[in-house]
Amino acid sequence: MDTELEPLADDLPAREVAQQFENRDLISAPVVDANRLLVGRITIDDVVDVIRDEAEHNLMSMAGLDEEEDIFAPVAASAKRRAVWLGINLLTALLAAQVVGLFESVIDQVVALAVLMPVVASMGGISGSQTLTLMIRGLALGQIGGGNTQSLLKKELAVAAINGVLWALVVAGIVLLWFRNPTLGAVIAIAMIINQLFAALSGFGIPLILRKLNIDPALAGSVVLTTITDVVGFFAFLGLGALVLL
């Protein structure tokens, strides 16, 4: 008997068991009850099933689906499950459209704003999704806790600032060549930097907030993030455009 091997409690959640196997490079582990009496063992093949189920859950959740969804599920059941998140997405899209509507007169006078505003929102959405995905993965693996959240936030904001400045300069150069308007190039560059920073902050904070509210971050995170990056991106770009170009 290997008496130095730390056993696992019989009430330990499956996700934490998988983390123990990963962190300690276990192939099998003894399981004990509250009195430290041996009740059985867990082997690596059991843990592989847990990891596979967790990966499937995260993959399905990112699309607003659940494990009960199947490609061969009945039409009515599939439509009902998917309609909920499509409806939520519609509401968030209407919110972003309302922000655009606030600057209708500005867009009428500077048509280039309408052409370029999807660029600002799209770049912010991609950047935020990268941070969101890393955060969800880190939470699922137990890598994120109270001790490292502040340093991780600073790191993500620094990455967003660097990428924001880099791609803002690239886009500003393209706009300058396209529209021959340096002021418009400066406006979109500033708006992109602002949205990149908000996207990083949102991608970092949304999973933590949703987890505290007992809402699956993988299921709802992308919808909330898209709303924030669209609204902030449109408002920053069109607002700056209204102040500077008119």
Protein backbone atom coordinates (compact mmCIF):
# COMPACT_ATOMS: atom_id res chain seq x y z
CA MET A 1 0.00 0.00 0.00
CA ASP A 2 1.21 3.50 -0.90
CA THR A 3 0.42 5.39 2.29
CA GLU A 4 1.96 8.68 1.10
CA LEU A 5 -0.54 9.19 -1.72
CA GLU A 6 -3.06 11.84 -0.71
CA PRO A 7 -6.59 10.37 -1.15
CA LEU A 8 -9.62 12.12 -2.60
CA ALA A 9 -12.79 12.71 -0.60
CA ASP A 10 -15.85 10.80 -1.77
CA ASP A 11 -17.89 14.04 -1.95
CA LEU A 12 -15.36 15.94 -4.09
CA PRO A 13 -17.03 17.40 -7.23
CA ALA A 14 -16.09 15.75 -10.52
CA ARG A 15 -14.51 18.94 -11.88
CA GLU A 16 -12.19 19.20 -8.87
CA VAL A 17 -11.27 15.53 -9.23
CA ALA A 18 -10.21 16.18 -12.81
CA GLN A 19 -8.13 19.16 -11.65
CA GLN A 20 -6.41 17.02 -9.02
CA PHE A 21 -5.50 14.43 -11.66
CA GLU A 22 -4.12 17.13 -13.94
CA ASN A 23 -2.17 19.01 -11.25
CA ARG A 24 -0.70 15.88 -9.63
CA ASP A 25 -0.24 13.80 -12.82
CA LEU A 26 -2.26 10.95 -11.35
CA ILE A 27 -3.19 7.72 -13.09
CA SER A 28 -5.38 6.51 -10.24
CA ALA A 29 -6.26 7.77 -6.77
CA PRO A 30 -7.84 6.28 -3.64
CA VAL A 31 -11.19 7.60 -2.44
CA VAL A 32 -12.00 7.89 1.25
CA ASP A 33 -15.07 8.84 3.27
CA ALA A 34 -15.38 11.40 6.05
CA ASN A 35 -13.70 8.97 8.48
CA ARG A 36 -10.74 8.50 6.12
CA LEU A 37 -11.80 4.93 5.38
CA LEU A 38 -11.09 3.60 1.91
CA VAL A 39 -14.25 3.25 -0.21
CA GLY A 40 -12.76 2.74 -3.66
CA ARG A 41 -10.60 4.36 -6.30
CA ILE A 42 -10.84 6.63 -9.33
CA THR A 43 -8.83 5.87 -12.46
CA ILE A 44 -7.74 8.06 -15.35
CA ASP A 45 -10.40 6.68 -17.72
CA ASP A 46 -13.11 8.04 -15.40
CA VAL A 47 -11.45 11.46 -15.41
CA VAL A 48 -11.17 11.48 -19.21
CA ASP A 49 -14.96 11.14 -19.38
CA VAL A 50 -15.37 14.13 -17.06
CA ILE A 51 -12.96 16.25 -19.12
CA ARG A 52 -14.76 15.29 -22.34
CA ASP A 53 -18.15 16.19 -20.86
CA GLU A 54 -16.79 19.53 -19.58
CA ALA A 55 -15.29 20.37 -22.98
CA GLU A 56 -18.57 19.51 -24.71
CA HIS A 57 -20.47 21.68 -22.24
CA ASN A 58 -18.22 24.69 -22.87
CA LEU A 59 -18.35 24.24 -26.63
CA MET A 60 -22.15 24.02 -26.71
CA SER A 61 -22.57 26.88 -24.25
CA MET A 62 -20.53 29.28 -26.38
CA ALA A 63 -23.21 28.89 -29.04
CA GLY A 64 -26.06 29.30 -26.54
CA LEU A 65 -26.91 25.58 -26.56
CA ASP A 66 -26.90 22.88 -23.92
CA GLU A 67 -25.92 19.23 -23.72
CA GLU A 68 -29.44 18.10 -24.55
CA GLU A 69 -29.16 19.73 -27.97
CA ASP A 70 -28.33 17.27 -30.73
CA ILE A 71 -28.05 17.50 -34.48
CA PHE A 72 -30.73 14.80 -34.71
CA ALA A 73 -33.06 16.32 -32.09
CA PRO A 74 -36.71 16.97 -33.09
CA VAL A 75 -37.38 20.22 -34.94
CA ALA A 76 -39.70 21.66 -32.29
CA ALA A 77 -37.28 20.97 -29.42
CA SER A 78 -34.29 22.40 -31.27
CA ALA A 79 -36.20 25.51 -32.34
CA LYS A 80 -37.40 26.16 -28.78
CA ARG A 81 -33.94 25.88 -27.24
CA ARG A 82 -32.29 28.09 -29.82
CA ALA A 83 -35.09 30.69 -29.95
CA VAL A 84 -34.38 31.85 -26.39
CA TRP A 85 -30.85 33.02 -27.12
CA LEU A 86 -31.78 34.35 -30.53
CA GLY A 87 -34.37 36.51 -28.77
CA ILE A 88 -31.83 37.75 -26.23
CA ASN A 89 -29.40 38.51 -29.04
CA LEU A 90 -32.13 40.47 -30.86
CA LEU A 91 -32.73 42.65 -27.81
CA THR A 92 -29.03 43.42 -27.49
CA ALA A 93 -28.81 44.18 -31.22
CA LEU A 94 -31.73 46.61 -30.90
CA LEU A 95 -29.90 48.33 -28.05
CA ALA A 96 -26.85 48.81 -30.27
CA ALA A 97 -29.10 50.05 -33.09
CA GLN A 98 -30.66 52.58 -30.74
CA VAL A 99 -27.22 53.99 -29.97
CA VAL A 100 -26.57 54.35 -33.71
CA GLY A 101 -29.94 56.07 -34.06
CA LEU A 102 -28.88 58.77 -31.63
CA PHE A 103 -26.32 59.90 -34.21
CA GLU A 104 -28.52 59.66 -37.30
CA SER A 105 -28.02 63.31 -38.22
CA VAL A 106 -24.24 62.94 -37.88
CA ILE A 107 -24.21 59.90 -40.18
CA ASP A 108 -26.31 61.79 -42.74
CA GLN A 109 -23.67 64.51 -42.90
CA VAL A 110 -20.57 62.29 -42.72
CA VAL A 111 -21.40 59.12 -44.65
CA ALA A 112 -17.91 57.70 -44.03
CA LEU A 113 -18.89 57.13 -40.39
CA ALA A 114 -21.54 54.62 -41.46
CA VAL A 115 -18.99 52.84 -43.64
CA LEU A 116 -16.36 52.57 -40.92
CA MET A 117 -18.30 52.04 -37.68
CA PRO A 118 -18.55 48.22 -38.08
CA VAL A 119 -14.74 48.11 -38.03
CA VAL A 120 -14.59 49.61 -34.54
CA ALA A 121 -17.25 47.28 -33.13
CA SER A 122 -15.82 44.19 -34.83
CA MET A 123 -12.26 44.72 -33.61
CA GLY A 124 -13.51 45.28 -30.07
CA GLY A 125 -15.69 42.18 -30.24
CA ILE A 126 -12.83 39.95 -31.36
CA SER A 127 -10.46 41.30 -28.72
CA GLY A 128 -13.04 40.91 -25.99
CA SER A 129 -13.87 37.37 -27.11
CA GLN A 130 -10.22 36.39 -26.80
CA THR A 131 -10.08 37.61 -23.20
CA LEU A 132 -13.50 36.10 -22.43
CA THR A 133 -12.45 32.67 -23.75
CA LEU A 134 -9.21 32.69 -21.74
CA MET A 135 -11.10 33.70 -18.59
CA ILE A 136 -13.74 30.99 -18.99
CA ARG A 137 -11.02 28.41 -19.59
CA GLY A 138 -9.06 29.64 -16.57
CA LEU A 139 -12.14 29.48 -14.33
CA ALA A 140 -13.00 25.99 -15.57
CA LEU A 141 -9.48 24.78 -14.79
CA GLY A 142 -9.36 26.48 -11.40
CA GLN A 143 -6.45 28.69 -12.44
CA ILE A 144 -8.08 31.99 -11.48
CA GLY A 145 -8.55 33.00 -7.86
CA GLY A 146 -8.51 36.01 -5.58
CA GLY A 147 -4.73 36.07 -5.48
CA ASN A 148 -4.08 36.59 -9.17
CA THR A 149 -7.12 38.44 -10.53
CA GLN A 150 -5.58 41.91 -10.17
CA SER A 151 -2.37 40.98 -11.96
CA LEU A 152 -4.32 39.22 -14.70
CA LEU A 153 -6.52 42.29 -15.19
CA LYS A 154 -3.45 44.53 -15.54
CA LYS A 155 -1.96 42.10 -18.04
CA GLU A 156 -5.12 41.98 -20.18
CA LEU A 157 -5.44 45.77 -20.15
CA ALA A 158 -1.79 46.10 -21.17
CA VAL A 159 -2.28 43.64 -24.05
CA ALA A 160 -5.42 45.50 -25.13
CA ALA A 161 -3.60 48.85 -25.03
CA ILE A 162 -0.71 47.55 -27.15
CA ASN A 163 -2.97 45.92 -29.73
CA GLY A 164 -5.33 48.88 -29.64
CA VAL A 165 -2.57 51.36 -30.50
CA LEU A 166 -1.05 49.04 -33.12
CA TRP A 167 -4.25 48.38 -35.05
CA ALA A 168 -5.55 51.91 -34.52
CA LEU A 169 -2.51 53.19 -36.39
CA VAL A 170 -3.02 50.62 -39.15
CA VAL A 171 -6.71 51.48 -39.57
CA ALA A 172 -6.02 55.22 -39.37
CA GLY A 173 -3.51 54.84 -42.20
CA ILE A 174 -6.03 52.93 -44.31
CA VAL A 175 -8.70 55.56 -43.65
CA LEU A 176 -6.28 58.34 -44.57
CA LEU A 177 -5.51 56.68 -47.91
CA TRP A 178 -9.18 55.87 -48.53
CA PHE A 179 -10.96 59.08 -47.53
CA ARG A 180 -8.08 61.57 -47.56
CA ASN A 181 -9.26 62.85 -44.17
CA PRO A 182 -6.66 62.89 -41.34
CA THR A 183 -9.25 63.97 -38.78
CA LEU A 184 -11.45 60.97 -39.59
CA GLY A 185 -8.41 58.73 -39.24
CA ALA A 186 -7.66 60.17 -35.81
CA VAL A 187 -11.29 59.72 -34.72
CA ILE A 188 -11.42 56.05 -35.63
CA ALA A 189 -8.01 55.44 -34.06
CA ILE A 190 -9.08 56.90 -30.70
CA ALA A 191 -12.41 55.07 -30.82
CA MET A 192 -10.66 51.76 -31.49
CA ILE A 193 -8.29 52.22 -28.53
CA ILE A 194 -11.23 53.07 -26.24
CA ASN A 195 -13.22 50.04 -27.40
CA GLN A 196 -10.23 47.70 -27.10
CA LEU A 197 -9.76 48.70 -23.46
CA PHE A 198 -13.48 48.33 -22.69
CA ALA A 199 -13.49 44.96 -24.48
CA ALA A 200 -10.61 43.66 -22.37
CA LEU A 201 -12.21 44.93 -19.17
CA SER A 202 -15.55 43.35 -20.13
CA GLY A 203 -14.02 40.06 -21.25
CA PHE A 204 -12.23 39.86 -17.92
CA GLY A 205 -15.05 40.98 -15.65
CA ILE A 206 -18.11 39.36 -17.22
CA PRO A 207 -17.19 35.72 -16.36
CA LEU A 208 -16.37 36.69 -12.75
CA ILE A 209 -19.66 38.57 -12.33
CA LEU A 210 -21.76 35.85 -13.97
CA ARG A 211 -20.14 33.17 -11.83
CA LYS A 212 -21.04 35.12 -8.68
CA LEU A 213 -24.62 35.32 -9.96
CA ASN A 214 -24.60 31.52 -10.53
CA ILE A 215 -24.96 32.02 -14.28
CA ASP A 216 -22.83 29.93 -16.62
CA PRO A 217 -20.25 32.35 -18.14
CA ALA A 218 -19.87 30.15 -21.21
CA LEU A 219 -23.60 30.36 -21.87
CA ALA A 220 -24.25 34.08 -21.35
CA GLY A 221 -20.83 35.72 -21.57
CA SER A 222 -20.61 36.17 -25.34
CA VAL A 223 -24.07 37.80 -25.55
CA VAL A 224 -23.24 40.36 -22.84
CA LEU A 225 -19.79 41.01 -24.30
CA THR A 226 -21.13 41.63 -27.82
CA THR A 227 -23.61 44.15 -26.47
CA ILE A 228 -20.93 46.08 -24.59
CA THR A 229 -18.40 46.18 -27.44
CA ASP A 230 -21.07 47.21 -29.97
CA VAL A 231 -22.55 49.94 -27.78
CA VAL A 232 -19.19 51.32 -26.63
CA GLY A 233 -17.70 51.08 -30.12
CA PHE A 234 -20.60 52.85 -31.84
CA PHE A 235 -20.92 55.49 -29.12
CA ALA A 236 -17.20 56.26 -29.02
CA PHE A 237 -16.80 56.46 -32.79
CA LEU A 238 -19.99 58.35 -33.63
CA GLY A 239 -19.71 60.55 -30.55
CA LEU A 240 -16.16 61.58 -31.38
CA GLY A 241 -17.23 62.05 -34.99
CA ALA A 242 -20.01 64.39 -33.93
CA LEU A 243 -17.65 66.44 -31.75
CA VAL A 244 -14.74 66.68 -34.19
CA LEU A 245 -16.07 66.40 -37.72
CA LEU A 246 -19.12 68.69 -37.50
